[in-house]
Amino acid sequence: MNSSDIPSRLFEPWSRSEYELYEEDDAFVLTIEMPGFETEDLTVSWDKGVLNIAGEHVDETRGHQRTYHRRFRFPKDIDEEGIEAEYNNGVLEVYLPIPEAALVSGIEIEVKG
């Protein structure tokens, strides 16, 4: 363990959430483990190819506040109107559909033989 990691581990251990991003046939799917938040604590927004995930939860009984913010940049066009997000059992899942026109891109290269 690096000594420079100690402050971040002491003060923000929950900020190191686990996430998985993969591409299906027609969409990107992002899942983020975010235990301790409520649905109303989360904000998901899309702006010019960047998905913003933010969360803030205040536990008044314990005097704790949790915040989370992360940005994800996507290399392909996304159908902005079709983006969906769902939060269940501490896991946020965001579905980002890829428009059909963006699925096939590039140019075909002739193979000579």
C-alpha atoms as a PDB file:
ATOM      1  CA  MET A   1       0.000   0.000   0.000  1.00  0.00           C
ATOM      2  CA  ASN A   2       1.281   3.414  -0.928  1.00  0.00           C
ATOM      3  CA  SER A   3       1.309   5.942   1.929  1.00  0.00           C
ATOM      4  CA  SER A   4      -0.363   8.502  -0.342  1.00  0.00           C
ATOM      5  CA  ASP A   5      -3.412   6.196  -0.461  1.00  0.00           C
ATOM      6  CA  ILE A   6      -4.030   6.458   3.295  1.00  0.00           C
ATOM      7  CA  PRO A   7      -5.959   9.781   3.337  1.00  0.00           C
ATOM      8  CA  SER A   8      -8.289   8.682   0.560  1.00  0.00           C
ATOM      9  CA  ARG A   9      -8.921   5.371   2.316  1.00  0.00           C
ATOM     10  CA  LEU A  10      -9.631   7.084   5.629  1.00  0.00           C
ATOM     11  CA  PHE A  11     -11.928   9.811   4.358  1.00  0.00           C
ATOM     12  CA  GLU A  12     -13.519   8.481   1.169  1.00  0.00           C
ATOM     13  CA  PRO A  13     -13.483   4.668   1.040  1.00  0.00           C
ATOM     14  CA  TRP A  14     -16.965   4.622  -0.488  1.00  0.00           C
ATOM     15  CA  SER A  15     -15.893   6.796  -3.431  1.00  0.00           C
ATOM     16  CA  ARG A  16     -14.121   3.807  -5.006  1.00  0.00           C
ATOM     17  CA  SER A  17     -17.283   2.225  -6.313  1.00  0.00           C
ATOM     18  CA  GLU A  18     -17.077  -0.711  -8.641  1.00  0.00           C
ATOM     19  CA  TYR A  19     -18.473  -0.375 -12.131  1.00  0.00           C
ATOM     20  CA  GLU A  20     -18.791  -2.436 -15.270  1.00  0.00           C
ATOM     21  CA  LEU A  21     -19.245  -1.018 -18.756  1.00  0.00           C
ATOM     22  CA  TYR A  22     -19.901  -3.248 -21.733  1.00  0.00           C
ATOM     23  CA  GLU A  23     -21.343  -2.979 -25.212  1.00  0.00           C
ATOM     24  CA  GLU A  24     -24.206  -5.195 -26.309  1.00  0.00           C
ATOM     25  CA  ASP A  25     -25.352  -5.506 -29.926  1.00  0.00           C
ATOM     26  CA  ASP A  26     -27.321  -2.276 -29.825  1.00  0.00           C
ATOM     27  CA  ALA A  27     -26.409  -0.496 -26.569  1.00  0.00           C
ATOM     28  CA  PHE A  28     -23.877   0.296 -23.917  1.00  0.00           C
ATOM     29  CA  VAL A  29     -24.759  -0.940 -20.434  1.00  0.00           C
ATOM     30  CA  LEU A  30     -23.156   0.641 -17.380  1.00  0.00           C
ATOM     31  CA  THR A  31     -23.611  -0.840 -13.903  1.00  0.00           C
ATOM     32  CA  ILE A  32     -22.230   0.884 -10.817  1.00  0.00           C
ATOM     33  CA  GLU A  33     -22.254  -0.491  -7.287  1.00  0.00           C
ATOM     34  CA  MET A  34     -23.503   2.410  -5.137  1.00  0.00           C
ATOM     35  CA  PRO A  35     -24.711   0.998  -1.815  1.00  0.00           C
ATOM     36  CA  GLY A  36     -26.052   3.394   0.783  1.00  0.00           C
ATOM     37  CA  PHE A  37     -27.863   5.716  -1.608  1.00  0.00           C
ATOM     38  CA  GLU A  38     -31.581   6.121  -2.207  1.00  0.00           C
ATOM     39  CA  THR A  39     -33.088   6.574  -5.680  1.00  0.00           C
ATOM     40  CA  GLU A  40     -33.865  10.213  -4.932  1.00  0.00           C
ATOM     41  CA  ASP A  41     -30.192  10.802  -3.981  1.00  0.00           C
ATOM     42  CA  LEU A  42     -29.021  10.072  -7.543  1.00  0.00           C
ATOM     43  CA  THR A  43     -28.760  12.274 -10.625  1.00  0.00           C
ATOM     44  CA  VAL A  44     -27.995  10.888 -14.068  1.00  0.00           C
ATOM     45  CA  SER A  45     -27.493  13.308 -16.962  1.00  0.00           C
ATOM     46  CA  TRP A  46     -26.236  13.240 -20.546  1.00  0.00           C
ATOM     47  CA  ASP A  47     -24.327  16.080 -22.184  1.00  0.00           C
ATOM     48  CA  LYS A  48     -22.606  15.883 -25.588  1.00  0.00           C
ATOM     49  CA  GLY A  49     -21.251  12.362 -25.335  1.00  0.00           C
ATOM     50  CA  VAL A  50     -20.627  12.396 -21.593  1.00  0.00           C
ATOM     51  CA  LEU A  51     -22.723  10.556 -19.011  1.00  0.00           C
ATOM     52  CA  ASN A  52     -22.640  12.231 -15.589  1.00  0.00           C
ATOM     53  CA  ILE A  53     -23.506  10.216 -12.481  1.00  0.00           C
ATOM     54  CA  ALA A  54     -23.871  12.039  -9.174  1.00  0.00           C
ATOM     55  CA  GLY A  55     -25.151  11.024  -5.772  1.00  0.00           C
ATOM     56  CA  GLU A  56     -25.464  12.700  -2.407  1.00  0.00           C
ATOM     57  CA  HIS A  57     -26.824  11.085   0.735  1.00  0.00           C
ATOM     58  CA  VAL A  58     -26.977  12.581   4.202  1.00  0.00           C
ATOM     59  CA  ASP A  59     -27.411  10.239   7.166  1.00  0.00           C
ATOM     60  CA  GLU A  60     -28.484  12.661   9.894  1.00  0.00           C
ATOM     61  CA  THR A  61     -28.640   9.986  12.590  1.00  0.00           C
ATOM     62  CA  ARG A  62     -24.946   9.165  12.142  1.00  0.00           C
ATOM     63  CA  GLY A  63     -23.809  12.592  10.994  1.00  0.00           C
ATOM     64  CA  HIS A  64     -22.407  11.187   7.741  1.00  0.00           C
ATOM     65  CA  GLN A  65     -22.627  12.526   4.227  1.00  0.00           C
ATOM     66  CA  ARG A  66     -21.786  10.528   1.106  1.00  0.00           C
ATOM     67  CA  THR A  67     -21.125  12.047  -2.265  1.00  0.00           C
ATOM     68  CA  TYR A  68     -20.300  10.432  -5.572  1.00  0.00           C
ATOM     69  CA  HIS A  69     -19.499  11.951  -8.951  1.00  0.00           C
ATOM     70  CA  ARG A  70     -18.138  10.303 -12.043  1.00  0.00           C
ATOM     71  CA  ARG A  71     -18.155  11.042 -15.772  1.00  0.00           C
ATOM     72  CA  PHE A  72     -18.096   8.489 -18.559  1.00  0.00           C
ATOM     73  CA  ARG A  73     -17.269   9.498 -22.145  1.00  0.00           C
ATOM     74  CA  PHE A  74     -18.724   7.383 -24.952  1.00  0.00           C
ATOM     75  CA  PRO A  75     -17.028   6.846 -28.320  1.00  0.00           C
ATOM     76  CA  LYS A  76     -20.206   6.373 -30.366  1.00  0.00           C
ATOM     77  CA  ASP A  77     -23.421   8.273 -30.916  1.00  0.00           C
ATOM     78  CA  ILE A  78     -26.089   7.524 -28.346  1.00  0.00           C
ATOM     79  CA  ASP A  79     -29.857   7.708 -28.782  1.00  0.00           C
ATOM     80  CA  GLU A  80     -30.363  10.407 -26.146  1.00  0.00           C
ATOM     81  CA  GLU A  81     -34.126   9.922 -25.988  1.00  0.00           C
ATOM     82  CA  GLY A  82     -33.712   6.210 -25.238  1.00  0.00           C
ATOM     83  CA  ILE A  83     -31.337   6.439 -22.257  1.00  0.00           C
ATOM     84  CA  GLU A  84     -32.765   4.692 -19.189  1.00  0.00           C
ATOM     85  CA  ALA A  85     -31.497   4.350 -15.614  1.00  0.00           C
ATOM     86  CA  GLU A  86     -32.634   2.067 -12.805  1.00  0.00           C
ATOM     87  CA  TYR A  87     -31.417   1.731  -9.217  1.00  0.00           C
ATOM     88  CA  ASN A  88     -32.064  -1.509  -7.316  1.00  0.00           C
ATOM     89  CA  ASN A  89     -30.389  -3.058  -4.266  1.00  0.00           C
ATOM     90  CA  GLY A  90     -27.458  -0.628  -4.325  1.00  0.00           C
ATOM     91  CA  VAL A  91     -26.706  -1.045  -8.033  1.00  0.00           C
ATOM     92  CA  LEU A  92     -27.318   1.655 -10.645  1.00  0.00           C
ATOM     93  CA  GLU A  93     -27.787   0.368 -14.191  1.00  0.00           C
ATOM     94  CA  VAL A  94     -27.791   2.764 -17.136  1.00  0.00           C
ATOM     95  CA  TYR A  95     -28.830   1.607 -20.599  1.00  0.00           C
ATOM     96  CA  LEU A  96     -27.535   3.763 -23.484  1.00  0.00           C
ATOM     97  CA  PRO A  97     -28.934   2.672 -26.862  1.00  0.00           C
ATOM     98  CA  ILE A  98     -26.803   3.104 -29.973  1.00  0.00           C
ATOM     99  CA  PRO A  99     -28.706   4.426 -33.032  1.00  0.00           C
ATOM    100  CA  GLU A 100     -28.833   1.930 -35.895  1.00  0.00           C
ATOM    101  CA  ALA A 101     -26.934   4.331 -38.171  1.00  0.00           C
ATOM    102  CA  ALA A 102     -24.001   4.319 -35.725  1.00  0.00           C
ATOM    103  CA  LEU A 103     -23.825   0.529 -35.450  1.00  0.00           C
ATOM    104  CA  VAL A 104     -22.211   0.091 -38.847  1.00  0.00           C
ATOM    105  CA  SER A 105     -19.426   2.554 -39.314  1.00  0.00           C
ATOM    106  CA  GLY A 106     -16.201   2.829 -41.201  1.00  0.00           C
ATOM    107  CA  ILE A 107     -15.446   1.739 -44.722  1.00  0.00           C
ATOM    108  CA  GLU A 108     -15.042  -1.709 -46.180  1.00  0.00           C
ATOM    109  CA  ILE A 109     -11.511  -2.586 -47.230  1.00  0.00           C
ATOM    110  CA  GLU A 110     -11.024  -4.850 -50.204  1.00  0.00           C
ATOM    111  CA  VAL A 111      -9.134  -8.035 -49.459  1.00  0.00           C
ATOM    112  CA  LYS A 112      -6.826  -8.981 -52.316  1.00  0.00           C
ATOM    113  CA  GLY A 113      -5.605 -12.471 -52.842  1.00  0.00           C
END
